[in-house]
Amino acid sequence: MQTLSRPPIAIVEDDLAVRRAYADLFCSYDCETIAFPTAEEFLEHIADQKVACLILDQRLPGMSGLELQSLLQEKDVGFKTVFITSQDDDTTRNRAMEAGAAAFFSKGSDVDDIIASVMHLSGYQID
């Protein structure tokens, strides 16, 4: 595997086990990751650091994933967002995509599809 020098993949997921699983998954592809349990903690952090791509859950304590995505679109950040959520309904999917999300997956989606999407959007390569 070839690792490109890229900013980390950010993960915003309130479920600790899922957050760790995503981080471990992408670390196994030599990607650096940073993870946060809330949108608010993520926003505090990105003021200091760039990210390559954001993996985002919809249902979060405090600010929702859709609210965060809308805020990021207003700020015109330089990274793409990939929703991975159990709230996989047409309304949520459409709102996420209209707010600028690059991809939308349910938590039961094929992991290879998720990996390929995140790796492509973040600039990492799979060798």
N, C-alpha and C. Protein backbone atom coordinates (compact mmCIF):
# COMPACT_ATOMS: atom_id res chain seq x y z
N MET A 1 0.82 -1.18 0.00
CA MET A 1 0.00 0.00 0.00
C MET A 1 0.87 1.24 0.00
N GLN A 2 0.48 2.22 -0.80
CA GLN A 2 1.20 3.48 -0.85
C GLN A 2 0.39 4.51 -0.07
N THR A 3 1.05 5.21 0.83
CA THR A 3 0.38 6.23 1.61
C THR A 3 0.76 7.59 1.06
N LEU A 4 -0.22 8.40 0.75
CA LEU A 4 0.04 9.76 0.33
C LEU A 4 0.04 10.63 1.57
N SER A 5 0.79 11.69 1.53
CA SER A 5 0.80 12.63 2.65
C SER A 5 -0.48 13.46 2.56
N ARG A 6 -1.45 13.11 3.33
CA ARG A 6 -2.76 13.76 3.30
C ARG A 6 -3.18 14.11 4.72
N PRO A 7 -4.06 15.10 4.82
CA PRO A 7 -4.67 15.36 6.13
C PRO A 7 -5.47 14.14 6.57
N PRO A 8 -5.84 14.06 7.83
CA PRO A 8 -6.58 12.90 8.31
C PRO A 8 -8.02 12.86 7.83
N ILE A 9 -8.58 11.66 7.85
CA ILE A 9 -10.00 11.46 7.64
C ILE A 9 -10.67 11.71 8.98
N ALA A 10 -11.63 12.62 9.01
CA ALA A 10 -12.35 12.93 10.25
C ALA A 10 -13.61 12.07 10.33
N ILE A 11 -13.93 11.67 11.55
CA ILE A 11 -15.10 10.83 11.81
C ILE A 11 -15.91 11.50 12.91
N VAL A 12 -17.19 11.76 12.64
CA VAL A 12 -18.09 12.29 13.67
C VAL A 12 -19.20 11.25 13.84
N GLU A 13 -19.14 10.55 14.95
CA GLU A 13 -20.04 9.43 15.26
C GLU A 13 -20.16 9.34 16.78
N ASP A 14 -21.39 9.39 17.30
CA ASP A 14 -21.55 9.38 18.75
C ASP A 14 -21.38 8.01 19.38
N ASP A 15 -21.56 6.94 18.65
CA ASP A 15 -21.40 5.59 19.18
C ASP A 15 -19.91 5.24 19.22
N LEU A 16 -19.36 5.09 20.41
CA LEU A 16 -17.93 4.86 20.59
C LEU A 16 -17.45 3.63 19.82
N ALA A 17 -18.18 2.54 19.87
CA ALA A 17 -17.76 1.31 19.19
C ALA A 17 -17.72 1.51 17.67
N VAL A 18 -18.70 2.19 17.13
CA VAL A 18 -18.74 2.44 15.69
C VAL A 18 -17.62 3.42 15.31
N ARG A 19 -17.43 4.45 16.12
CA ARG A 19 -16.37 5.43 15.87
C ARG A 19 -15.01 4.74 15.82
N ARG A 20 -14.76 3.87 16.78
CA ARG A 20 -13.49 3.12 16.81
C ARG A 20 -13.37 2.17 15.62
N ALA A 21 -14.48 1.55 15.24
CA ALA A 21 -14.45 0.62 14.11
C ALA A 21 -14.08 1.35 12.82
N TYR A 22 -14.68 2.53 12.59
CA TYR A 22 -14.33 3.31 11.40
C TYR A 22 -12.85 3.70 11.44
N ALA A 23 -12.40 4.18 12.59
CA ALA A 23 -11.00 4.59 12.71
C ALA A 23 -10.06 3.41 12.44
N ASP A 24 -10.36 2.27 13.04
CA ASP A 24 -9.53 1.07 12.82
C ASP A 24 -9.55 0.64 11.36
N LEU A 25 -10.73 0.69 10.75
CA LEU A 25 -10.85 0.30 9.35
C LEU A 25 -9.95 1.15 8.46
N PHE A 26 -10.01 2.45 8.60
CA PHE A 26 -9.21 3.30 7.72
C PHE A 26 -7.74 3.33 8.12
N CYS A 27 -7.45 3.11 9.38
CA CYS A 27 -6.04 2.97 9.78
C CYS A 27 -5.44 1.72 9.15
N SER A 28 -6.24 0.68 8.93
CA SER A 28 -5.73 -0.54 8.30
C SER A 28 -5.33 -0.29 6.84
N TYR A 29 -5.78 0.84 6.27
CA TYR A 29 -5.38 1.26 4.92
C TYR A 29 -4.33 2.37 4.98
N ASP A 30 -3.67 2.48 6.12
CA ASP A 30 -2.62 3.49 6.34
C ASP A 30 -3.13 4.91 6.23
N CYS A 31 -4.37 5.13 6.60
CA CYS A 31 -4.93 6.48 6.64
C CYS A 31 -4.87 6.99 8.07
N GLU A 32 -4.52 8.24 8.20
CA GLU A 32 -4.61 8.86 9.52
C GLU A 32 -6.07 9.23 9.74
N THR A 33 -6.55 9.07 10.96
CA THR A 33 -7.93 9.44 11.29
C THR A 33 -7.96 10.27 12.57
N ILE A 34 -8.99 11.08 12.68
CA ILE A 34 -9.32 11.77 13.92
C ILE A 34 -10.81 11.58 14.11
N ALA A 35 -11.23 11.39 15.36
CA ALA A 35 -12.63 11.04 15.59
C ALA A 35 -13.22 11.89 16.72
N PHE A 36 -14.50 12.18 16.57
CA PHE A 36 -15.20 13.05 17.51
C PHE A 36 -16.60 12.49 17.78
N PRO A 37 -17.08 12.62 19.03
CA PRO A 37 -18.42 12.12 19.36
C PRO A 37 -19.54 13.10 19.02
N THR A 38 -19.19 14.38 18.77
CA THR A 38 -20.23 15.37 18.48
C THR A 38 -19.76 16.31 17.36
N ALA A 39 -20.74 16.93 16.72
CA ALA A 39 -20.44 17.92 15.69
C ALA A 39 -19.73 19.12 16.29
N GLU A 40 -20.13 19.49 17.49
CA GLU A 40 -19.54 20.66 18.15
C GLU A 40 -18.04 20.44 18.41
N GLU A 41 -17.67 19.24 18.87
CA GLU A 41 -16.25 18.95 19.10
C GLU A 41 -15.47 18.97 17.78
N PHE A 42 -16.08 18.46 16.73
CA PHE A 42 -15.44 18.51 15.41
C PHE A 42 -15.20 19.95 14.99
N LEU A 43 -16.21 20.81 15.14
CA LEU A 43 -16.07 22.21 14.73
C LEU A 43 -14.97 22.92 15.52
N GLU A 44 -14.85 22.61 16.79
CA GLU A 44 -13.78 23.20 17.59
C GLU A 44 -12.42 22.78 17.04
N HIS A 45 -12.31 21.55 16.60
CA HIS A 45 -11.02 21.02 16.14
C HIS A 45 -10.62 21.51 14.76
N ILE A 46 -11.56 21.61 13.83
CA ILE A 46 -11.16 21.94 12.46
C ILE A 46 -10.67 23.37 12.32
N ALA A 47 -10.89 24.19 13.33
CA ALA A 47 -10.32 25.54 13.27
C ALA A 47 -8.79 25.47 13.26
N ASP A 48 -8.25 24.39 13.82
CA ASP A 48 -6.80 24.23 13.95
C ASP A 48 -6.20 23.29 12.92
N GLN A 49 -7.00 22.49 12.26
CA GLN A 49 -6.44 21.43 11.41
C GLN A 49 -7.34 21.18 10.20
N LYS A 50 -6.73 20.87 9.07
CA LYS A 50 -7.48 20.48 7.88
C LYS A 50 -7.79 19.00 7.95
N VAL A 51 -8.83 18.60 7.23
CA VAL A 51 -9.16 17.18 7.11
C VAL A 51 -9.29 16.83 5.63
N ALA A 52 -9.06 15.57 5.31
CA ALA A 52 -9.13 15.10 3.93
C ALA A 52 -10.57 14.82 3.51
N CYS A 53 -11.36 14.32 4.45
CA CYS A 53 -12.72 13.89 4.18
C CYS A 53 -13.41 13.74 5.53
N LEU A 54 -14.71 13.90 5.56
CA LEU A 54 -15.48 13.77 6.79
C LEU A 54 -16.47 12.63 6.66
N ILE A 55 -16.40 11.67 7.58
CA ILE A 55 -17.42 10.62 7.71
C ILE A 55 -18.36 11.11 8.80
N LEU A 56 -19.64 11.19 8.48
CA LEU A 56 -20.60 11.87 9.35
C LEU A 56 -21.86 11.04 9.58
N ASP A 57 -22.23 10.93 10.84
CA ASP A 57 -23.50 10.31 11.21
C ASP A 57 -24.57 11.40 11.21
N GLN A 58 -25.82 11.05 11.02
CA GLN A 58 -26.91 12.02 11.04
C GLN A 58 -27.39 12.28 12.46
N ARG A 59 -27.67 11.22 13.21
CA ARG A 59 -28.21 11.36 14.56
C ARG A 59 -27.07 11.52 15.55
N LEU A 60 -26.91 12.73 16.02
CA LEU A 60 -25.86 13.06 16.98
C LEU A 60 -26.47 13.85 18.13
N PRO A 61 -25.86 13.78 19.31
CA PRO A 61 -26.34 14.66 20.39
C PRO A 61 -26.01 16.11 20.03
N GLY A 62 -26.90 17.02 20.32
CA GLY A 62 -26.65 18.42 19.96
C GLY A 62 -26.93 18.63 18.49
N MET A 63 -25.98 19.23 17.80
CA MET A 63 -26.12 19.50 16.37
C MET A 63 -26.18 18.20 15.58
N SER A 64 -27.16 18.08 14.67
CA SER A 64 -27.29 16.87 13.86
C SER A 64 -26.26 16.89 12.72
N GLY A 65 -26.12 15.76 12.08
CA GLY A 65 -25.23 15.67 10.93
C GLY A 65 -25.67 16.59 9.80
N LEU A 66 -26.96 16.67 9.55
CA LEU A 66 -27.46 17.57 8.51
C LEU A 66 -27.19 19.03 8.85
N GLU A 67 -27.35 19.39 10.10
CA GLU A 67 -27.06 20.77 10.52
C GLU A 67 -25.58 21.08 10.33
N LEU A 68 -24.72 20.12 10.70
CA LEU A 68 -23.29 20.32 10.51
C LEU A 68 -22.96 20.45 9.03
N GLN A 69 -23.52 19.58 8.20
CA GLN A 69 -23.26 19.63 6.77
C GLN A 69 -23.67 20.97 6.18
N SER A 70 -24.81 21.49 6.58
CA SER A 70 -25.26 22.80 6.08
C SER A 70 -24.30 23.91 6.50
N LEU A 71 -23.85 23.86 7.73
CA LEU A 71 -22.90 24.84 8.23
C LEU A 71 -21.58 24.77 7.45
N LEU A 72 -21.11 23.56 7.19
CA LEU A 72 -19.87 23.39 6.44
C LEU A 72 -20.01 23.90 5.01
N GLN A 73 -21.17 23.70 4.42
CA GLN A 73 -21.39 24.19 3.06
C GLN A 73 -21.37 25.72 3.04
N GLU A 74 -21.96 26.35 4.05
CA GLU A 74 -21.93 27.81 4.15
C GLU A 74 -20.51 28.33 4.28
N LYS A 75 -19.66 27.58 5.00
CA LYS A 75 -18.27 27.99 5.21
C LYS A 75 -17.38 27.63 4.03
N ASP A 76 -17.91 26.89 3.07
CA ASP A 76 -17.17 26.49 1.87
C ASP A 76 -15.85 25.81 2.23
N VAL A 77 -15.94 24.77 3.05
CA VAL A 77 -14.74 24.02 3.46
C VAL A 77 -14.19 23.26 2.26
N GLY A 78 -12.94 22.90 2.33
CA GLY A 78 -12.29 22.26 1.19
C GLY A 78 -12.27 20.76 1.24
N PHE A 79 -13.24 20.13 1.91
CA PHE A 79 -13.27 18.67 1.96
C PHE A 79 -14.69 18.17 1.72
N LYS A 80 -14.78 16.90 1.36
CA LYS A 80 -16.07 16.25 1.06
C LYS A 80 -16.60 15.53 2.29
N THR A 81 -17.92 15.38 2.33
CA THR A 81 -18.59 14.69 3.43
C THR A 81 -19.25 13.42 2.93
N VAL A 82 -19.07 12.35 3.69
CA VAL A 82 -19.71 11.06 3.42
C VAL A 82 -20.58 10.73 4.63
N PHE A 83 -21.89 10.69 4.42
CA PHE A 83 -22.80 10.28 5.49
C PHE A 83 -22.82 8.76 5.57
N ILE A 84 -22.72 8.24 6.78
CA ILE A 84 -22.96 6.82 7.05
C ILE A 84 -23.90 6.82 8.25
N THR A 85 -25.15 6.45 8.03
CA THR A 85 -26.16 6.63 9.06
C THR A 85 -27.20 5.51 9.04
N SER A 86 -27.81 5.30 10.18
CA SER A 86 -28.92 4.35 10.24
C SER A 86 -30.23 5.05 9.83
N GLN A 87 -30.21 6.36 9.73
CA GLN A 87 -31.39 7.11 9.32
C GLN A 87 -31.38 7.23 7.80
N ASP A 88 -31.60 6.09 7.15
CA ASP A 88 -31.53 6.01 5.69
C ASP A 88 -32.93 6.06 5.10
N ASP A 89 -33.45 7.27 5.00
CA ASP A 89 -34.74 7.47 4.35
C ASP A 89 -34.55 8.50 3.25
N ASP A 90 -35.50 8.55 2.33
CA ASP A 90 -35.37 9.45 1.17
C ASP A 90 -35.21 10.91 1.57
N THR A 91 -35.96 11.35 2.58
CA THR A 91 -35.89 12.75 3.00
C THR A 91 -34.49 13.09 3.51
N THR A 92 -33.95 12.25 4.37
CA THR A 92 -32.63 12.51 4.94
C THR A 92 -31.56 12.44 3.84
N ARG A 93 -31.66 11.43 3.01
CA ARG A 93 -30.69 11.28 1.91
C ARG A 93 -30.72 12.51 0.99
N ASN A 94 -31.91 12.93 0.58
CA ASN A 94 -32.04 14.09 -0.31
C ASN A 94 -31.52 15.36 0.34
N ARG A 95 -31.85 15.56 1.61
CA ARG A 95 -31.37 16.76 2.31
C ARG A 95 -29.85 16.76 2.41
N ALA A 96 -29.26 15.60 2.70
CA ALA A 96 -27.80 15.51 2.81
C ALA A 96 -27.14 15.82 1.48
N MET A 97 -27.64 15.25 0.42
CA MET A 97 -27.04 15.45 -0.90
C MET A 97 -27.24 16.90 -1.36
N GLU A 98 -28.42 17.47 -1.10
CA GLU A 98 -28.67 18.86 -1.46
C GLU A 98 -27.78 19.81 -0.67
N ALA A 99 -27.38 19.41 0.54
CA ALA A 99 -26.51 20.23 1.39
C ALA A 99 -25.04 20.03 1.05
N GLY A 100 -24.76 19.24 0.01
CA GLY A 100 -23.39 19.12 -0.45
C GLY A 100 -22.66 17.84 -0.10
N ALA A 101 -23.34 16.87 0.49
CA ALA A 101 -22.67 15.60 0.78
C ALA A 101 -22.23 14.94 -0.53
N ALA A 102 -21.05 14.33 -0.51
CA ALA A 102 -20.53 13.66 -1.70
C ALA A 102 -21.05 12.24 -1.83
N ALA A 103 -21.42 11.63 -0.70
CA ALA A 103 -21.93 10.25 -0.70
C ALA A 103 -22.81 10.04 0.52
N PHE A 104 -23.70 9.07 0.42
CA PHE A 104 -24.63 8.76 1.51
C PHE A 104 -24.79 7.24 1.56
N PHE A 105 -24.47 6.65 2.71
CA PHE A 105 -24.58 5.21 2.91
C PHE A 105 -25.39 4.91 4.16
N SER A 106 -26.12 3.81 4.14
CA SER A 106 -26.72 3.33 5.37
C SER A 106 -25.66 2.52 6.11
N LYS A 107 -25.83 2.37 7.40
CA LYS A 107 -24.84 1.63 8.19
C LYS A 107 -24.76 0.17 7.79
N GLY A 108 -25.70 -0.32 7.04
CA GLY A 108 -25.65 -1.70 6.56
C GLY A 108 -25.07 -1.85 5.16
N SER A 109 -24.53 -0.77 4.61
CA SER A 109 -23.99 -0.80 3.24
C SER A 109 -22.73 -1.65 3.16
N ASP A 110 -22.41 -2.06 1.94
CA ASP A 110 -21.21 -2.84 1.67
C ASP A 110 -19.99 -2.03 2.06
N VAL A 111 -19.17 -2.57 2.94
CA VAL A 111 -18.00 -1.86 3.45
C VAL A 111 -17.02 -1.52 2.33
N ASP A 112 -16.92 -2.36 1.32
CA ASP A 112 -16.02 -2.07 0.20
C ASP A 112 -16.44 -0.81 -0.55
N ASP A 113 -17.75 -0.59 -0.67
CA ASP A 113 -18.25 0.62 -1.33
C ASP A 113 -17.91 1.86 -0.49
N ILE A 114 -18.07 1.74 0.81
CA ILE A 114 -17.75 2.85 1.71
C ILE A 114 -16.26 3.16 1.64
N ILE A 115 -15.43 2.13 1.72
CA ILE A 115 -13.97 2.33 1.67
C ILE A 115 -13.58 3.01 0.37
N ALA A 116 -14.08 2.51 -0.75
CA ALA A 116 -13.73 3.07 -2.05
C ALA A 116 -14.13 4.54 -2.13
N SER A 117 -15.30 4.87 -1.66
CA SER A 117 -15.78 6.25 -1.71
C SER A 117 -14.92 7.16 -0.85
N VAL A 118 -14.70 6.77 0.38
CA VAL A 118 -13.92 7.62 1.30
C VAL A 118 -12.48 7.76 0.82
N MET A 119 -11.89 6.68 0.37
CA MET A 119 -10.50 6.74 -0.10
C MET A 119 -10.40 7.67 -1.32
N HIS A 120 -11.32 7.55 -2.24
CA HIS A 120 -11.31 8.41 -3.43
C HIS A 120 -11.48 9.88 -3.05
N LEU A 121 -12.46 10.18 -2.21
CA LEU A 121 -12.77 11.56 -1.85
C LEU A 121 -11.68 12.21 -1.01
N SER A 122 -10.94 11.38 -0.26
CA SER A 122 -9.92 11.94 0.63
C SER A 122 -8.55 12.02 -0.03
N GLY A 123 -8.41 11.44 -1.21
CA GLY A 123 -7.15 11.50 -1.91
C GLY A 123 -6.18 10.38 -1.56
N TYR A 124 -6.62 9.45 -0.73
CA TYR A 124 -5.79 8.28 -0.44
C TYR A 124 -5.94 7.28 -1.57
N GLN A 125 -4.97 6.42 -1.73
CA GLN A 125 -5.03 5.39 -2.76
C GLN A 125 -5.05 4.01 -2.12
N ILE A 126 -5.76 3.10 -2.75
CA ILE A 126 -5.75 1.70 -2.33
C ILE A 126 -4.84 0.96 -3.31
N ASP A 127 -3.78 0.37 -2.80
CA ASP A 127 -2.87 -0.41 -3.66
C ASP A 127 -2.98 -1.88 -3.33
